[in-house]
Full PDB file with SEQRES, HELIX, SHEET, SSBOND, CRYST1, ORIGX, SCALE, CONECT and MASTER records, all heavy atoms in Angstrom:
SEQRES   1 A   39  PRO ASP VAL PHE GLU PRO PHE LEU ARG ASP TYR LEU GLU          
SEQRES   2 A   39  THR TYR LYS TYR LYS SER LEU ASN THR LEU GLN TRP LYS          
SEQRES   3 A   39  ASP TYR LEU PHE GLU TYR PHE PRO ASP LYS LEU GLU LEU          
HELIX    1 AA1 PHE A    4  THR A   14  1                                  11    
HELIX    2 AA2 THR A   22  TYR A   32  1                                  11    
HELIX    3 AA3 PRO A   34  LYS A   36  5                                   3    
CRYST1    1.000    1.000    1.000  90.00  90.00  90.00 P 1           1          
ORIGX1      1.000000  0.000000  0.000000        0.00000                         
ORIGX2      0.000000  1.000000  0.000000        0.00000                         
ORIGX3      0.000000  0.000000  1.000000        0.00000                         
SCALE1      1.000000  0.000000  0.000000        0.00000                         
SCALE2      0.000000  1.000000  0.000000        0.00000                         
SCALE3      0.000000  0.000000  1.000000        0.00000                         
ATOM      1  N   PRO A   1     130.709 106.218 144.088  1.00  0.00           N  
ATOM      2  CA  PRO A   1     130.046 105.400 145.112  1.00  0.00           C  
ATOM      3  C   PRO A   1     128.778 106.023 145.693  1.00  0.00           C  
ATOM      4  O   PRO A   1     127.825 105.304 146.003  1.00  0.00           O  
ATOM      5  CB  PRO A   1     131.133 105.248 146.193  1.00  0.00           C  
ATOM      6  CG  PRO A   1     132.422 105.406 145.454  1.00  0.00           C  
ATOM      7  CD  PRO A   1     132.154 106.409 144.381  1.00  0.00           C  
ATOM      8  N   ASP A   2     128.762 107.357 145.866  1.00  0.00           N  
ATOM      9  CA  ASP A   2     127.578 107.993 146.456  1.00  0.00           C  
ATOM     10  C   ASP A   2     126.338 107.797 145.600  1.00  0.00           C  
ATOM     11  O   ASP A   2     125.211 107.814 146.113  1.00  0.00           O  
ATOM     12  CB  ASP A   2     127.833 109.489 146.657  1.00  0.00           C  
ATOM     13  CG  ASP A   2     128.832 109.768 147.759  1.00  0.00           C  
ATOM     14  OD1 ASP A   2     129.104 108.848 148.554  1.00  0.00           O  
ATOM     15  OD2 ASP A   2     129.365 110.901 147.811  1.00  0.00           O  
ATOM     16  N   VAL A   3     126.545 107.603 144.316  1.00  0.00           N  
ATOM     17  CA  VAL A   3     125.436 107.377 143.382  1.00  0.00           C  
ATOM     18  C   VAL A   3     125.181 105.882 143.197  1.00  0.00           C  
ATOM     19  O   VAL A   3     124.026 105.443 143.154  1.00  0.00           O  
ATOM     20  CB  VAL A   3     125.739 108.037 142.012  1.00  0.00           C  
ATOM     21  CG1 VAL A   3     124.668 107.672 140.986  1.00  0.00           C  
ATOM     22  CG2 VAL A   3     125.842 109.541 142.160  1.00  0.00           C  
ATOM     23  N   PHE A   4     126.251 105.114 143.087  1.00  0.00           N  
ATOM     24  CA  PHE A   4     126.114 103.704 142.722  1.00  0.00           C  
ATOM     25  C   PHE A   4     125.734 102.808 143.896  1.00  0.00           C  
ATOM     26  O   PHE A   4     124.998 101.825 143.720  1.00  0.00           O  
ATOM     27  CB  PHE A   4     127.419 103.200 142.095  1.00  0.00           C  
ATOM     28  CG  PHE A   4     127.245 101.984 141.235  1.00  0.00           C  
ATOM     29  CD1 PHE A   4     126.656 102.072 139.982  1.00  0.00           C  
ATOM     30  CD2 PHE A   4     127.686 100.732 141.672  1.00  0.00           C  
ATOM     31  CE1 PHE A   4     126.502 100.951 139.175  1.00  0.00           C  
ATOM     32  CE2 PHE A   4     127.532  99.605 140.878  1.00  0.00           C  
ATOM     33  CZ  PHE A   4     126.940  99.713 139.619  1.00  0.00           C  
ATOM     34  N   GLU A   5     126.201 103.130 145.097  1.00  0.00           N  
ATOM     35  CA  GLU A   5     125.888 102.267 146.234  1.00  0.00           C  
ATOM     36  C   GLU A   5     124.396 102.233 146.577  1.00  0.00           C  
ATOM     37  O   GLU A   5     123.875 101.172 146.924  1.00  0.00           O  
ATOM     38  CB  GLU A   5     126.728 102.657 147.449  1.00  0.00           C  
ATOM     39  CG  GLU A   5     128.180 102.205 147.306  1.00  0.00           C  
ATOM     40  CD  GLU A   5     129.022 102.475 148.534  1.00  0.00           C  
ATOM     41  OE1 GLU A   5     128.456 102.839 149.589  1.00  0.00           O  
ATOM     42  OE2 GLU A   5     130.263 102.336 148.449  1.00  0.00           O  
ATOM     43  N   PRO A   6     123.658 103.355 146.491  1.00  0.00           N  
ATOM     44  CA  PRO A   6     122.205 103.256 146.682  1.00  0.00           C  
ATOM     45  C   PRO A   6     121.536 102.355 145.646  1.00  0.00           C  
ATOM     46  O   PRO A   6     120.586 101.632 145.969  1.00  0.00           O  
ATOM     47  CB  PRO A   6     121.737 104.709 146.545  1.00  0.00           C  
ATOM     48  CG  PRO A   6     122.913 105.524 146.953  1.00  0.00           C  
ATOM     49  CD  PRO A   6     124.101 104.761 146.440  1.00  0.00           C  
ATOM     50  N   PHE A   7     122.044 102.377 144.397  1.00  0.00           N  
ATOM     51  CA  PHE A   7     121.531 101.457 143.378  1.00  0.00           C  
ATOM     52  C   PHE A   7     121.808 100.016 143.787  1.00  0.00           C  
ATOM     53  O   PHE A   7     120.924  99.149 143.684  1.00  0.00           O  
ATOM     54  CB  PHE A   7     122.165 101.734 142.014  1.00  0.00           C  
ATOM     55  CG  PHE A   7     122.106 100.545 141.086  1.00  0.00           C  
ATOM     56  CD1 PHE A   7     120.911 100.182 140.494  1.00  0.00           C  
ATOM     57  CD2 PHE A   7     123.245  99.761 140.846  1.00  0.00           C  
ATOM     58  CE1 PHE A   7     120.839  99.053 139.668  1.00  0.00           C  
ATOM     59  CE2 PHE A   7     123.184  98.657 140.036  1.00  0.00           C  
ATOM     60  CZ  PHE A   7     121.980  98.297 139.432  1.00  0.00           C  
ATOM     61  N   LEU A   8     123.025  99.744 144.235  1.00  0.00           N  
ATOM     62  CA  LEU A   8     123.401  98.391 144.638  1.00  0.00           C  
ATOM     63  C   LEU A   8     122.462  97.873 145.728  1.00  0.00           C  
ATOM     64  O   LEU A   8     121.944  96.750 145.641  1.00  0.00           O  
ATOM     65  CB  LEU A   8     124.851  98.389 145.140  1.00  0.00           C  
ATOM     66  CG  LEU A   8     125.371  97.084 145.748  1.00  0.00           C  
ATOM     67  CD1 LEU A   8     125.408  95.978 144.708  1.00  0.00           C  
ATOM     68  CD2 LEU A   8     126.763  97.294 146.360  1.00  0.00           C  
ATOM     69  N   ARG A   9     122.212  98.719 146.721  1.00  0.00           N  
ATOM     70  CA  ARG A   9     121.356  98.281 147.832  1.00  0.00           C  
ATOM     71  C   ARG A   9     119.913  98.074 147.363  1.00  0.00           C  
ATOM     72  O   ARG A   9     119.242  97.117 147.761  1.00  0.00           O  
ATOM     73  CB  ARG A   9     121.416  99.322 148.949  1.00  0.00           C  
ATOM     74  CG  ARG A   9     120.747  98.873 150.232  1.00  0.00           C  
ATOM     75  CD  ARG A   9     121.290  99.628 151.408  1.00  0.00           C  
ATOM     76  NE  ARG A   9     120.590  99.296 152.636  1.00  0.00           N  
ATOM     77  CZ  ARG A   9     121.067  99.485 153.842  1.00  0.00           C  
ATOM     78  NH1 ARG A   9     122.277  99.988 153.994  1.00  0.00           N  
ATOM     79  NH2 ARG A   9     120.367  99.174 154.914  1.00  0.00           N  
ATOM     80  N   ASP A  10     119.436  98.945 146.484  1.00  0.00           N  
ATOM     81  CA  ASP A  10     118.077  98.826 145.956  1.00  0.00           C  
ATOM     82  C   ASP A  10     117.945  97.569 145.093  1.00  0.00           C  
ATOM     83  O   ASP A  10     116.926  96.874 145.142  1.00  0.00           O  
ATOM     84  CB  ASP A  10     117.726 100.070 145.138  1.00  0.00           C  
ATOM     85  CG  ASP A  10     116.247 100.150 144.827  1.00  0.00           C  
ATOM     86  OD1 ASP A  10     115.472 100.522 145.727  1.00  0.00           O  
ATOM     87  OD2 ASP A  10     115.859  99.833 143.683  1.00  0.00           O  
ATOM     88  N   TYR A  11     118.973  97.290 144.309  1.00  0.00           N  
ATOM     89  CA  TYR A  11     118.999  96.084 143.473  1.00  0.00           C  
ATOM     90  C   TYR A  11     118.906  94.827 144.334  1.00  0.00           C  
ATOM     91  O   TYR A  11     118.125  93.901 144.042  1.00  0.00           O  
ATOM     92  CB  TYR A  11     120.287  96.104 142.643  1.00  0.00           C  
ATOM     93  CG  TYR A  11     120.732  94.778 142.077  1.00  0.00           C  
ATOM     94  CD1 TYR A  11     120.027  94.165 141.041  1.00  0.00           C  
ATOM     95  CD2 TYR A  11     121.876  94.152 142.564  1.00  0.00           C  
ATOM     96  CE1 TYR A  11     120.453  92.957 140.511  1.00  0.00           C  
ATOM     97  CE2 TYR A  11     122.318  92.948 142.044  1.00  0.00           C  
ATOM     98  CZ  TYR A  11     121.597  92.348 141.017  1.00  0.00           C  
ATOM     99  OH  TYR A  11     122.031  91.164 140.495  1.00  0.00           O  
ATOM    100  N   LEU A  12     119.676  94.782 145.422  1.00  0.00           N  
ATOM    101  CA  LEU A  12     119.662  93.625 146.301  1.00  0.00           C  
ATOM    102  C   LEU A  12     118.313  93.471 147.003  1.00  0.00           C  
ATOM    103  O   LEU A  12     117.826  92.348 147.187  1.00  0.00           O  
ATOM    104  CB  LEU A  12     120.784  93.741 147.336  1.00  0.00           C  
ATOM    105  CG  LEU A  12     122.208  93.701 146.780  1.00  0.00           C  
ATOM    106  CD1 LEU A  12     123.220  94.031 147.868  1.00  0.00           C  
ATOM    107  CD2 LEU A  12     122.509  92.344 146.158  1.00  0.00           C  
ATOM    108  N   GLU A  13     117.705  94.572 147.365  1.00  0.00           N  
ATOM    109  CA  GLU A  13     116.394  94.517 148.014  1.00  0.00           C  
ATOM    110  C   GLU A  13     115.314  94.071 147.028  1.00  0.00           C  
ATOM    111  O   GLU A  13     114.439  93.268 147.356  1.00  0.00           O  
ATOM    112  CB  GLU A  13     116.044  95.892 148.590  1.00  0.00           C  
ATOM    113  CG  GLU A  13     114.668  95.980 149.240  1.00  0.00           C  
ATOM    114  CD  GLU A  13     114.514  95.089 150.463  1.00  0.00           C  
ATOM    115  OE1 GLU A  13     115.532  94.781 151.123  1.00  0.00           O  
ATOM    116  OE2 GLU A  13     113.360  94.697 150.757  1.00  0.00           O  
ATOM    117  N   THR A  14     115.386  94.563 145.803  1.00  0.00           N  
ATOM    118  CA  THR A  14     114.376  94.249 144.790  1.00  0.00           C  
ATOM    119  C   THR A  14     114.424  92.787 144.363  1.00  0.00           C  
ATOM    120  O   THR A  14     113.388  92.147 144.171  1.00  0.00           O  
ATOM    121  CB  THR A  14     114.564  95.150 143.555  1.00  0.00           C  
ATOM    122  OG1 THR A  14     114.435  96.521 143.953  1.00  0.00           O  
ATOM    123  CG2 THR A  14     113.529  94.843 142.480  1.00  0.00           C  
ATOM    124  N   TYR A  15     115.625  92.223 144.236  1.00  0.00           N  
ATOM    125  CA  TYR A  15     115.763  90.865 143.703  1.00  0.00           C  
ATOM    126  C   TYR A  15     116.096  89.822 144.769  1.00  0.00           C  
ATOM    127  O   TYR A  15     116.444  88.693 144.431  1.00  0.00           O  
ATOM    128  CB  TYR A  15     116.823  90.847 142.605  1.00  0.00           C  
ATOM    129  CG  TYR A  15     116.317  91.440 141.313  1.00  0.00           C  
ATOM    130  CD1 TYR A  15     116.565  92.773 140.998  1.00  0.00           C  
ATOM    131  CD2 TYR A  15     115.547  90.683 140.427  1.00  0.00           C  
ATOM    132  CE1 TYR A  15     116.077  93.325 139.825  1.00  0.00           C  
ATOM    133  CE2 TYR A  15     115.062  91.227 139.249  1.00  0.00           C  
ATOM    134  CZ  TYR A  15     115.334  92.549 138.952  1.00  0.00           C  
ATOM    135  OH  TYR A  15     114.844  93.101 137.792  1.00  0.00           O  
ATOM    136  N   LYS A  16     115.963  90.170 146.056  1.00  0.00           N  
ATOM    137  CA  LYS A  16     116.256  89.183 147.092  1.00  0.00           C  
ATOM    138  C   LYS A  16     115.319  87.980 146.956  1.00  0.00           C  
ATOM    139  O   LYS A  16     114.155  88.122 146.569  1.00  0.00           O  
ATOM    140  CB  LYS A  16     116.161  89.799 148.485  1.00  0.00           C  
ATOM    141  CG  LYS A  16     114.777  90.263 148.905  1.00  0.00           C  
ATOM    142  CD  LYS A  16     114.841  90.878 150.295  1.00  0.00           C  
ATOM    143  CE  LYS A  16     113.461  91.371 150.746  1.00  0.00           C  
ATOM    144  NZ  LYS A  16     113.523  92.015 152.078  1.00  0.00           N  
ATOM    145  N   TYR A  17     115.865  86.802 147.239  1.00  0.00           N  
ATOM    146  CA  TYR A  17     115.198  85.507 147.118  1.00  0.00           C  
ATOM    147  C   TYR A  17     114.944  85.100 145.662  1.00  0.00           C  
ATOM    148  O   TYR A  17     114.272  84.102 145.414  1.00  0.00           O  
ATOM    149  CB  TYR A  17     113.864  85.470 147.890  1.00  0.00           C  
ATOM    150  CG  TYR A  17     113.931  86.024 149.287  1.00  0.00           C  
ATOM    151  CD1 TYR A  17     113.092  87.043 149.697  1.00  0.00           C  
ATOM    152  CD2 TYR A  17     114.849  85.520 150.215  1.00  0.00           C  
ATOM    153  CE1 TYR A  17     113.151  87.560 150.986  1.00  0.00           C  
ATOM    154  CE2 TYR A  17     114.921  86.026 151.499  1.00  0.00           C  
ATOM    155  CZ  TYR A  17     114.068  87.047 151.879  1.00  0.00           C  
ATOM    156  OH  TYR A  17     114.141  87.547 153.149  1.00  0.00           O  
ATOM    157  N   LYS A  18     115.480  85.858 144.708  1.00  0.00           N  
ATOM    158  CA  LYS A  18     115.218  85.576 143.292  1.00  0.00           C  
ATOM    159  C   LYS A  18     116.518  85.251 142.553  1.00  0.00           C  
ATOM    160  O   LYS A  18     117.617  85.511 143.028  1.00  0.00           O  
ATOM    161  CB  LYS A  18     114.547  86.790 142.624  1.00  0.00           C  
ATOM    162  CG  LYS A  18     113.203  87.170 143.237  1.00  0.00           C  
ATOM    163  CD  LYS A  18     112.660  88.450 142.604  1.00  0.00           C  
ATOM    164  CE  LYS A  18     111.354  88.880 143.273  1.00  0.00           C  
ATOM    165  NZ  LYS A  18     110.863  90.177 142.745  1.00  0.00           N  
ATOM    166  N   SER A  19     116.346  84.697 141.356  1.00  0.00           N  
ATOM    167  CA  SER A  19     117.460  84.471 140.430  1.00  0.00           C  
ATOM    168  C   SER A  19     117.186  85.266 139.167  1.00  0.00           C  
ATOM    169  O   SER A  19     116.036  85.373 138.732  1.00  0.00           O  
ATOM    170  CB  SER A  19     117.579  82.981 140.094  1.00  0.00           C  
ATOM    171  OG  SER A  19     117.781  82.210 141.251  1.00  0.00           O  
ATOM    172  N   LEU A  20     118.238  85.807 138.558  1.00  0.00           N  
ATOM    173  CA  LEU A  20     118.050  86.630 137.362  1.00  0.00           C  
ATOM    174  C   LEU A  20     119.232  86.469 136.430  1.00  0.00           C  
ATOM    175  O   LEU A  20     120.286  85.945 136.800  1.00  0.00           O  
ATOM    176  CB  LEU A  20     117.838  88.095 137.729  1.00  0.00           C  
ATOM    177  CG  LEU A  20     119.062  88.944 138.119  1.00  0.00           C  
ATOM    178  CD1 LEU A  20     118.700  90.426 138.037  1.00  0.00           C  
ATOM    179  CD2 LEU A  20     119.590  88.613 139.488  1.00  0.00           C  
ATOM    180  N   ASN A  21     119.035  86.929 135.181  1.00  0.00           N  
ATOM    181  CA  ASN A  21     120.114  86.885 134.198  1.00  0.00           C  
ATOM    182  C   ASN A  21     120.631  88.288 133.916  1.00  0.00           C  
ATOM    183  O   ASN A  21     120.122  89.285 134.453  1.00  0.00           O  
ATOM    184  CB  ASN A  21     119.657  86.178 132.918  1.00  0.00           C  
ATOM    185  CG  ASN A  21     118.502  86.898 132.231  1.00  0.00           C  
ATOM    186  OD1 ASN A  21     118.425  88.125 132.214  1.00  0.00           O  
ATOM    187  ND2 ASN A  21     117.585  86.133 131.649  1.00  0.00           N  
ATOM    188  N   THR A  22     121.625  88.382 133.063  1.00  0.00           N  
ATOM    189  CA  THR A  22     122.306  89.651 132.817  1.00  0.00           C  
ATOM    190  C   THR A  22     121.381  90.687 132.183  1.00  0.00           C  
ATOM    191  O   THR A  22     121.442  91.876 132.527  1.00  0.00           O  
ATOM    192  CB  THR A  22     123.536  89.414 131.918  1.00  0.00           C  
ATOM    193  OG1 THR A  22     124.433  88.531 132.611  1.00  0.00           O  
ATOM    194  CG2 THR A  22     124.250  90.706 131.602  1.00  0.00           C  
ATOM    195  N   LEU A  23     120.537  90.253 131.263  1.00  0.00           N  
ATOM    196  CA  LEU A  23     119.637  91.215 130.613  1.00  0.00           C  
ATOM    197  C   LEU A  23     118.633  91.785 131.612  1.00  0.00           C  
ATOM    198  O   LEU A  23     118.282  92.976 131.535  1.00  0.00           O  
ATOM    199  CB  LEU A  23     118.915  90.559 129.440  1.00  0.00           C  
ATOM    200  CG  LEU A  23     119.801  90.224 128.228  1.00  0.00           C  
ATOM    201  CD1 LEU A  23     118.965  89.594 127.111  1.00  0.00           C  
ATOM    202  CD2 LEU A  23     120.512  91.478 127.708  1.00  0.00           C  
ATOM    203  N   GLN A  24     118.154  90.968 132.546  1.00  0.00           N  
ATOM    204  CA  GLN A  24     117.253  91.479 133.581  1.00  0.00           C  
ATOM    205  C   GLN A  24     117.968  92.503 134.456  1.00  0.00           C  
ATOM    206  O   GLN A  24     117.389  93.530 134.820  1.00  0.00           O  
ATOM    207  CB  GLN A  24     116.733  90.324 134.441  1.00  0.00           C  
ATOM    208  CG  GLN A  24     115.749  89.416 133.738  1.00  0.00           C  
ATOM    209  CD  GLN A  24     115.431  88.187 134.562  1.00  0.00           C  
ATOM    210  OE1 GLN A  24     116.298  87.348 134.841  1.00  0.00           O  
ATOM    211  NE2 GLN A  24     114.189  88.072 134.993  1.00  0.00           N  
ATOM    212  N   TRP A  25     119.225  92.214 134.800  1.00  0.00           N  
ATOM    213  CA  TRP A  25     120.010  93.172 135.583  1.00  0.00           C  
ATOM    214  C   TRP A  25     120.210  94.471 134.805  1.00  0.00           C  
ATOM    215  O   TRP A  25     120.049  95.565 135.349  1.00  0.00           O  
ATOM    216  CB  TRP A  25     121.358  92.565 135.943  1.00  0.00           C  
ATOM    217  CG  TRP A  25     122.330  93.607 136.417  1.00  0.00           C  
ATOM    218  CD1 TRP A  25     122.375  94.185 137.646  1.00  0.00           C  
ATOM    219  CD2 TRP A  25     123.350  94.244 135.641  1.00  0.00           C  
ATOM    220  NE1 TRP A  25     123.366  95.133 137.690  1.00  0.00           N  
ATOM    221  CE2 TRP A  25     123.982  95.186 136.475  1.00  0.00           C  
ATOM    222  CE3 TRP A  25     123.793  94.100 134.330  1.00  0.00           C  
ATOM    223  CZ2 TRP A  25     125.031  95.982 136.025  1.00  0.00           C  
ATOM    224  CZ3 TRP A  25     124.836  94.879 133.880  1.00  0.00           C  
ATOM    225  CH2 TRP A  25     125.450  95.811 134.732  1.00  0.00           C  
ATOM    226  N   LYS A  26     120.544  94.368 133.543  1.00  0.00           N  
ATOM    227  CA  LYS A  26     120.774  95.553 132.715  1.00  0.00           C  
ATOM    228  C   LYS A  26     119.496  96.390 132.617  1.00  0.00           C  
ATOM    229  O   LYS A  26     119.540  97.620 132.744  1.00  0.00           O  
ATOM    230  CB  LYS A  26     121.239  95.130 131.322  1.00  0.00           C  
ATOM    231  CG  LYS A  26     121.495  96.295 130.378  1.00  0.00           C  
ATOM    232  CD  LYS A  26     121.802  95.804 128.976  1.00  0.00           C  
ATOM    233  CE  LYS A  26     121.807  96.958 127.981  1.00  0.00           C  
ATOM    234  NZ  LYS A  26     121.959  96.487 126.585  1.00  0.00           N  
ATOM    235  N   ASP A  27     118.363  95.737 132.405  1.00  0.00           N  
ATOM    236  CA  ASP A  27     117.086  96.466 132.332  1.00  0.00           C  
ATOM    237  C   ASP A  27     116.817  97.213 133.631  1.00  0.00           C  
ATOM    238  O   ASP A  27     116.327  98.354 133.614  1.00  0.00           O  
ATOM    239  CB  ASP A  27     115.931  95.494 132.051  1.00  0.00           C  
ATOM    240  CG  ASP A  27     115.935  94.981 130.620  1.00  0.00           C  
ATOM    241  OD1 ASP A  27     116.616  95.594 129.766  1.00  0.00           O  
ATOM    242  OD2 ASP A  27     115.250  93.976 130.356  1.00  0.00           O  
ATOM    243  N   TYR A  28     117.148  96.572 134.771  1.00  0.00           N  
ATOM    244  CA  TYR A  28     116.913  97.223 136.055  1.00  0.00           C  
ATOM    245  C   TYR A  28     117.837  98.423 136.241  1.00  0.00           C  
ATOM    246  O   TYR A  28     117.440  99.453 136.797  1.00  0.00           O  
ATOM    247  CB  TYR A  28     117.090  96.233 137.202  1.00  0.00           C  
ATOM    248  CG  TYR A  28     116.612  96.797 138.513  1.00  0.00           C  
ATOM    249  CD1 TYR A  28     115.254  96.930 138.772  1.00  0.00           C  
ATOM    250  CD2 TYR A  28     117.509  97.242 139.484  1.00  0.00           C  
ATOM    251  CE1 TYR A  28     114.795  97.468 139.963  1.00  0.00           C  
ATOM    252  CE2 TYR A  28     117.061  97.785 140.674  1.00  0.00           C  
ATOM    253  CZ  TYR A  28     115.710  97.906 140.903  1.00  0.00           C  
ATOM    254  OH  TYR A  28     115.261  98.454 142.066  1.00  0.00           O  
ATOM    255  N   LEU A  29     119.070  98.288 135.767  1.00  0.00           N  
ATOM    256  CA  LEU A  29     120.022  99.398 135.833  1.00  0.00           C  
ATOM    257  C   LEU A  29     119.485 100.605 135.064  1.00  0.00           C  
ATOM    258  O   LEU A  29     119.504 101.744 135.558  1.00  0.00           O  
ATOM    259  CB  LEU A  29     121.370  98.964 135.253  1.00  0.00           C  
ATOM    260  CG  LEU A  29     122.496 100.003 135.254  1.00  0.00           C  
ATOM    261  CD1 LEU A  29     123.003 100.233 136.681  1.00  0.00           C  
ATOM    262  CD2 LEU A  29     123.651  99.555 134.363  1.00  0.00           C  
ATOM    263  N   PHE A  30     118.977 100.381 133.859  1.00  0.00           N  
ATOM    264  CA  PHE A  30     118.410 101.472 133.046  1.00  0.00           C  
ATOM    265  C   PHE A  30     117.174 102.052 133.723  1.00  0.00           C  
ATOM    266  O   PHE A  30     116.960 103.273 133.704  1.00  0.00           O  
ATOM    267  CB  PHE A  30     118.051 100.938 131.657  1.00  0.00           C  
ATOM    268  CG  PHE A  30     119.180 100.962 130.670  1.00  0.00           C  
ATOM    269  CD1 PHE A  30     120.282 100.134 130.825  1.00  0.00           C  
ATOM    270  CD2 PHE A  30     119.151 101.822 129.585  1.00  0.00           C  
ATOM    271  CE1 PHE A  30     121.331 100.156 129.925  1.00  0.00           C  
ATOM    272  CE2 PHE A  30     120.198 101.851 128.666  1.00  0.00           C  
ATOM    273  CZ  PHE A  30     121.291 101.014 128.841  1.00  0.00           C  
ATOM    274  N   GLU A  31     116.385 101.186 134.327  1.00  0.00           N  
ATOM    275  CA  GLU A  31     115.168 101.650 135.002  1.00  0.00           C  
ATOM    276  C   GLU A  31     115.505 102.511 136.220  1.00  0.00           C  
ATOM    277  O   GLU A  31     114.822 103.504 136.501  1.00  0.00           O  
ATOM    278  CB  GLU A  31     114.350 100.425 135.433  1.00  0.00           C  
ATOM    279  CG  GLU A  31     113.041 100.742 136.138  1.00  0.00           C  
ATOM    280  CD  GLU A  31     112.352  99.481 136.628  1.00  0.00           C  
ATOM    281  OE1 GLU A  31     112.407  98.464 135.916  1.00  0.00           O  
ATOM    282  OE2 GLU A  31     111.769  99.512 137.732  1.00  0.00           O  
ATOM    283  N   TYR A  32     116.573 102.161 136.936  1.00  0.00           N  
ATOM    284  CA  TYR A  32     116.938 102.888 138.154  1.00  0.00           C  
ATOM    285  C   TYR A  32     117.526 104.253 137.843  1.00  0.00           C  
ATOM    286  O   TYR A  32     117.371 105.184 138.633  1.00  0.00           O  
ATOM    287  CB  TYR A  32     117.942 102.053 138.963  1.00  0.00           C  
ATOM    288  CG  TYR A  32     118.289 102.678 140.305  1.00  0.00           C  
ATOM    289  CD1 TYR A  32     117.511 102.419 141.428  1.00  0.00           C  
ATOM    290  CD2 TYR A  32     119.384 103.534 140.437  1.00  0.00           C  
ATOM    291  CE1 TYR A  32     117.815 102.988 142.659  1.00  0.00           C  
ATOM    292  CE2 TYR A  32     119.697 104.110 141.658  1.00  0.00           C  
ATOM    293  CZ  TYR A  32     118.907 103.841 142.759  1.00  0.00           C  
ATOM    294  OH  TYR A  32     119.213 104.418 143.961  1.00  0.00           O  
ATOM    295  N   PHE A  33     118.209 104.380 136.709  1.00  0.00           N  
ATOM    296  CA  PHE A  33     118.884 105.633 136.355  1.00  0.00           C  
ATOM    297  C   PHE A  33     118.239 106.287 135.132  1.00  0.00           C  
ATOM    298  O   PHE A  33     118.882 106.444 134.080  1.00  0.00           O  
ATOM    299  CB  PHE A  33     120.370 105.373 136.070  1.00  0.00           C  
ATOM    300  CG  PHE A  33     121.194 105.055 137.273  1.00  0.00           C  
ATOM    301  CD1 PHE A  33     121.689 103.768 137.466  1.00  0.00           C  
ATOM    302  CD2 PHE A  33     121.488 106.036 138.216  1.00  0.00           C  
ATOM    303  CE1 PHE A  33     122.478 103.469 138.578  1.00  0.00           C  
ATOM    304  CE2 PHE A  33     122.267 105.739 139.333  1.00  0.00           C  
ATOM    305  CZ  PHE A  33     122.752 104.452 139.514  1.00  0.00           C  
ATOM    306  N   PRO A  34     116.970 106.702 135.228  1.00  0.00           N  
ATOM    307  CA  PRO A  34     116.313 107.312 134.055  1.00  0.00           C  
ATOM    308  C   PRO A  34     116.966 108.627 133.625  1.00  0.00           C  
ATOM    309  O   PRO A  34     116.876 109.006 132.460  1.00  0.00           O  
ATOM    310  CB  PRO A  34     114.873 107.533 134.537  1.00  0.00           C  
ATOM    311  CG  PRO A  34     114.978 107.619 136.031  1.00  0.00           C  
ATOM    312  CD  PRO A  34     116.073 106.667 136.405  1.00  0.00           C  
ATOM    313  N   ASP A  35     117.644 109.285 134.571  1.00  0.00           N  
ATOM    314  CA  ASP A  35     118.291 110.558 134.247  1.00  0.00           C  
ATOM    315  C   ASP A  35     119.695 110.374 133.661  1.00  0.00           C  
ATOM    316  O   ASP A  35     120.355 111.360 133.314  1.00  0.00           O  
ATOM    317  CB  ASP A  35     118.384 111.440 135.503  1.00  0.00           C  
ATOM    318  CG  ASP A  35     119.127 110.755 136.640  1.00  0.00           C  
ATOM    319  OD1 ASP A  35     119.075 109.499 136.706  1.00  0.00           O  
ATOM    320  OD2 ASP A  35     119.757 111.442 137.458  1.00  0.00           O  
ATOM    321  N   LYS A  36     120.141 109.126 133.546  1.00  0.00           N  
ATOM    322  CA  LYS A  36     121.489 108.879 133.027  1.00  0.00           C  
ATOM    323  C   LYS A  36     121.456 107.954 131.812  1.00  0.00           C  
ATOM    324  O   LYS A  36     122.433 107.255 131.513  1.00  0.00           O  
ATOM    325  CB  LYS A  36     122.369 108.276 134.128  1.00  0.00           C  
ATOM    326  CG  LYS A  36     122.567 109.217 135.328  1.00  0.00           C  
ATOM    327  CD  LYS A  36     123.480 108.628 136.371  1.00  0.00           C  
ATOM    328  CE  LYS A  36     123.599 109.527 137.594  1.00  0.00           C  
ATOM    329  NZ  LYS A  36     124.272 110.804 137.298  1.00  0.00           N  
ATOM    330  N   LEU A  37     120.339 107.953 131.098  1.00  0.00           N  
ATOM    331  CA  LEU A  37     120.191 107.040 129.975  1.00  0.00           C  
ATOM    332  C   LEU A  37     121.201 107.314 128.865  1.00  0.00           C  
ATOM    333  O   LEU A  37     121.685 106.380 128.217  1.00  0.00           O  
ATOM    334  CB  LEU A  37     118.761 107.109 129.415  1.00  0.00           C  
ATOM    335  CG  LEU A  37     117.646 106.592 130.346  1.00  0.00           C  
ATOM    336  CD1 LEU A  37     116.297 106.682 129.661  1.00  0.00           C  
ATOM    337  CD2 LEU A  37     117.934 105.158 130.773  1.00  0.00           C  
ATOM    338  N   GLU A  38     121.521 108.568 128.642  1.00  0.00           N  
ATOM    339  CA  GLU A  38     122.477 108.891 127.575  1.00  0.00           C  
ATOM    340  C   GLU A  38     123.853 108.318 127.892  1.00  0.00           C  
ATOM    341  O   GLU A  38     124.551 107.816 127.007  1.00  0.00           O  
ATOM    342  CB  GLU A  38     122.563 110.411 127.383  1.00  0.00           C  
ATOM    343  CG  GLU A  38     121.291 111.028 126.789  1.00  0.00           C  
ATOM    344  CD  GLU A  38     120.864 110.352 125.491  1.00  0.00           C  
ATOM    345  OE1 GLU A  38     121.728 110.170 124.607  1.00  0.00           O  
ATOM    346  OE2 GLU A  38     119.688 109.966 125.392  1.00  0.00           O  
ATOM    347  N   LEU A  39     124.243 108.398 129.168  1.00  0.00           N  
ATOM    348  CA  LEU A  39     125.520 107.797 129.567  1.00  0.00           C  
ATOM    349  C   LEU A  39     125.497 106.280 129.380  1.00  0.00           C  
ATOM    350  O   LEU A  39     126.441 105.688 128.854  1.00  0.00           O  
ATOM    351  CB  LEU A  39     125.814 108.114 131.038  1.00  0.00           C  
ATOM    352  CG  LEU A  39     126.400 109.489 131.376  1.00  0.00           C  
ATOM    353  CD1 LEU A  39     126.478 109.654 132.883  1.00  0.00           C  
ATOM    354  CD2 LEU A  39     127.784 109.643 130.753  1.00  0.00           C  
TER     355      LEU A  39                                                      
MASTER        0    0    0    3    0    0    0    6  354    1    0    3          
END                                                                             
């Protein structure tokens, strides 16, 4: 949670008032965690 909850909050702030699909969400997840790409 200490790692994932900041991502969750950033995701909600970035996409507020918008609609998106799963691939857009996945791309944002990879973009947010550049140091965890191998995982």
